[in-house]
C-alpha atoms as a PDB file:
ATOM      1  CA  MET A   1      -6.433   3.810   2.199  1.00  0.00           C
ATOM      2  CA  TYR A   2      -7.626   0.287   1.462  1.00  0.00           C
ATOM      3  CA  VAL A   3      -7.300   0.600  -2.303  1.00  0.00           C
ATOM      4  CA  PHE A   4      -3.953   2.355  -2.310  1.00  0.00           C
ATOM      5  CA  GLY A   5      -2.675   0.141   0.490  1.00  0.00           C
ATOM      6  CA  ALA A   6      -3.549  -3.036  -1.399  1.00  0.00           C
ATOM      7  CA  VAL A   7      -1.848  -1.761  -4.554  1.00  0.00           C
ATOM      8  CA  GLY A   8       1.172  -0.746  -2.467  1.00  0.00           C
ATOM      9  CA  LEU A   9       1.424  -4.184  -0.880  1.00  0.00           C
ATOM     10  CA  LEU A  10       1.119  -5.841  -4.274  1.00  0.00           C
ATOM     11  CA  SER A  11       3.870  -3.601  -5.567  1.00  0.00           C
ATOM     12  CA  PHE A  12       6.129  -4.480  -2.623  1.00  0.00           C
ATOM     13  CA  PHE A  13       5.462  -8.177  -3.255  1.00  0.00           C
ATOM     14  CA  VAL A  14       6.434  -7.795  -6.922  1.00  0.00           C
ATOM     15  CA  SER A  15       9.564  -5.972  -5.824  1.00  0.00           C
ATOM     16  CA  PHE A  16      10.478  -8.721  -3.368  1.00  0.00           C
ATOM     17  CA  VAL A  17      10.010 -11.430  -6.005  1.00  0.00           C
ATOM     18  CA  ALA A  18      11.971  -9.488  -8.634  1.00  0.00           C
ATOM     19  CA  GLY A  19      14.790  -8.731  -6.207  1.00  0.00           C
ATOM     20  CA  GLY A  20      14.951 -12.332  -5.028  1.00  0.00           C
ATOM     21  CA  SER A  21      14.978 -13.584  -8.611  1.00  0.00           C
ATOM     22  CA  ALA A  22      17.758 -11.184  -9.550  1.00  0.00           C
ATOM     23  CA  VAL A  23      19.901 -12.287  -6.619  1.00  0.00           C
ATOM     24  CA  TYR A  24      19.161 -15.954  -7.377  1.00  0.00           C
ATOM     25  CA  LEU A  25      20.199 -15.499 -11.012  1.00  0.00           C
ATOM     26  CA  LYS A  26      23.335 -13.660  -9.893  1.00  0.00           C
ATOM     27  CA  LEU A  27      24.415 -16.348  -7.446  1.00  0.00           C
ATOM     28  CA  PHE A  28      23.244 -19.576  -9.072  1.00  0.00           C
ATOM     29  CA  GLY A  29      22.496 -18.681 -12.697  1.00  0.00           C
ATOM     30  CA  HIS A  30      25.796 -16.846 -13.241  1.00  0.00           C
ATOM     31  CA  LYS A  31      24.011 -13.898 -14.862  1.00  0.00           C
ATOM     32  CA  SER A  32      24.972 -10.301 -14.295  1.00  0.00           C
ATOM     33  CA  PHE A  33      22.458  -7.781 -13.024  1.00  0.00           C
ATOM     34  CA  ILE A  34      22.909  -5.945 -16.318  1.00  0.00           C
ATOM     35  CA  GLU A  35      21.626  -8.911 -18.332  1.00  0.00           C
ATOM     36  CA  THR A  36      18.162  -8.903 -16.774  1.00  0.00           C
ATOM     37  CA  PRO A  37      15.657  -6.097 -16.128  1.00  0.00           C
ATOM     38  CA  LEU A  38      14.861  -7.494 -12.664  1.00  0.00           C
ATOM     39  CA  PRO A  39      16.879  -4.978 -10.581  1.00  0.00           C
ATOM     40  CA  LEU A  40      15.171  -2.106 -12.396  1.00  0.00           C
ATOM     41  CA  LEU A  41      11.768  -3.726 -11.863  1.00  0.00           C
ATOM     42  CA  CYS A  42      12.599  -4.152  -8.169  1.00  0.00           C
ATOM     43  CA  VAL A  43      13.493  -0.485  -7.701  1.00  0.00           C
ATOM     44  CA  MET A  44      10.511   0.784  -9.695  1.00  0.00           C
ATOM     45  CA  SER A  45       8.129  -1.467  -7.741  1.00  0.00           C
ATOM     46  CA  VAL A  46       9.459  -0.199  -4.414  1.00  0.00           C
ATOM     47  CA  LEU A  47       9.012   3.406  -5.532  1.00  0.00           C
ATOM     48  CA  THR A  48       5.493   2.666  -6.781  1.00  0.00           C
ATOM     49  CA  GLY A  49       4.604   0.989  -3.487  1.00  0.00           C
ATOM     50  CA  ILE A  50       5.873   3.922  -1.445  1.00  0.00           C
ATOM     51  CA  MET A  51       3.945   6.391  -3.618  1.00  0.00           C
ATOM     52  CA  CYS A  52       0.745   4.330  -3.312  1.00  0.00           C
ATOM     53  CA  PHE A  53       1.015   4.219   0.473  1.00  0.00           C
ATOM     54  CA  LEU A  54       1.634   7.951   0.636  1.00  0.00           C
ATOM     55  CA  MET A  55      -1.281   8.668  -1.724  1.00  0.00           C
ATOM     56  CA  GLY A  56      -3.552   6.567   0.495  1.00  0.00           C
ATOM     57  CA  LEU A  57      -2.371   8.448   3.570  1.00  0.00           C
ATOM     58  CA  LEU A  58      -2.938  11.764   1.814  1.00  0.00           C
ATOM     59  CA  ALA A  59      -6.443  10.734   0.726  1.00  0.00           C
ATOM     60  CA  GLU A  60      -7.269   9.690   4.298  1.00  0.00           C
ATOM     61  CA  MET A  61      -6.077  13.015   5.685  1.00  0.00           C
ATOM     62  CA  ILE A  62      -8.046  14.988   3.073  1.00  0.00           C
ATOM     63  CA  MET A  63     -11.233  13.052   3.832  1.00  0.00           C
ATOM     64  CA  ARG A  64     -10.863  13.548   7.575  1.00  0.00           C
ATOM     65  CA  THR A  65     -10.163  17.268   7.137  1.00  0.00           C
ATOM     66  CA  PHE A  66     -13.175  17.644   4.825  1.00  0.00           C
ATOM     67  CA  TYR A  67     -15.610  16.007   7.222  1.00  0.00           C
ATOM     68  CA  GLU A  68     -14.209  17.628  10.378  1.00  0.00           C
ATOM     69  CA  SER A  69     -14.329  21.134   8.864  1.00  0.00           C
ATOM     70  CA  GLN A  70     -18.060  20.732   8.243  1.00  0.00           C
ATOM     71  CA  GLY A  71     -18.740  19.223  11.634  1.00  0.00           C
ATOM     72  CA  LYS A  72     -19.945  15.938  10.102  1.00  0.00           C
ATOM     73  CA  SER A  73     -18.924  12.479  11.100  1.00  0.00           C
ATOM     74  CA  VAL A  74     -17.389  10.171   8.538  1.00  0.00           C
ATOM     75  CA  TYR A  75     -20.162   7.675   9.137  1.00  0.00           C
ATOM     76  CA  SER A  76     -23.658   7.819  10.565  1.00  0.00           C
ATOM     77  CA  VAL A  77     -25.326   5.273  12.818  1.00  0.00           C
ATOM     78  CA  ARG A  78     -28.930   4.755  11.842  1.00  0.00           C
ATOM     79  CA  ALA A  79     -29.953   2.718  14.880  1.00  0.00           C
ATOM     80  CA  THR A  80     -28.442   0.814  17.760  1.00  0.00           C
ATOM     81  CA  ARG A  81     -29.688  -2.530  18.967  1.00  0.00           C
ATOM     82  CA  ASN A  82     -29.070  -4.449  22.154  1.00  0.00           C
ATOM     83  CA  MET A  83     -27.323  -1.468  23.701  1.00  0.00           C
ATOM     84  CA  GLY A  84     -28.658  -1.446  27.218  1.00  0.00           C
ATOM     85  CA  ASN A  85     -27.691   0.835  30.063  1.00  0.00           C
ATOM     86  CA  GLY A  86     -24.648  -1.296  30.691  1.00  0.00           C
ATOM     87  CA  LYS A  87     -26.095  -2.890  33.829  1.00  0.00           C
END
């Protein structure tokens, strides 16, 4: 989830910058949306970000199902230290 989540956030950031740039050029640069590829980049980045988040969620669910079906934990604790009786 960390890898796909980071790529998804990066993709959303690119989309935000591209969308903001397109709107800025439309309002202050007097350029049409058709003249720049920024709206298309914005939409494609949003779709890529959504797919990355969903792939990360799917990978997390597959890993949890794999370990739970075998009765294993996802991690193992080798030793505990300074864990008294709680008194």
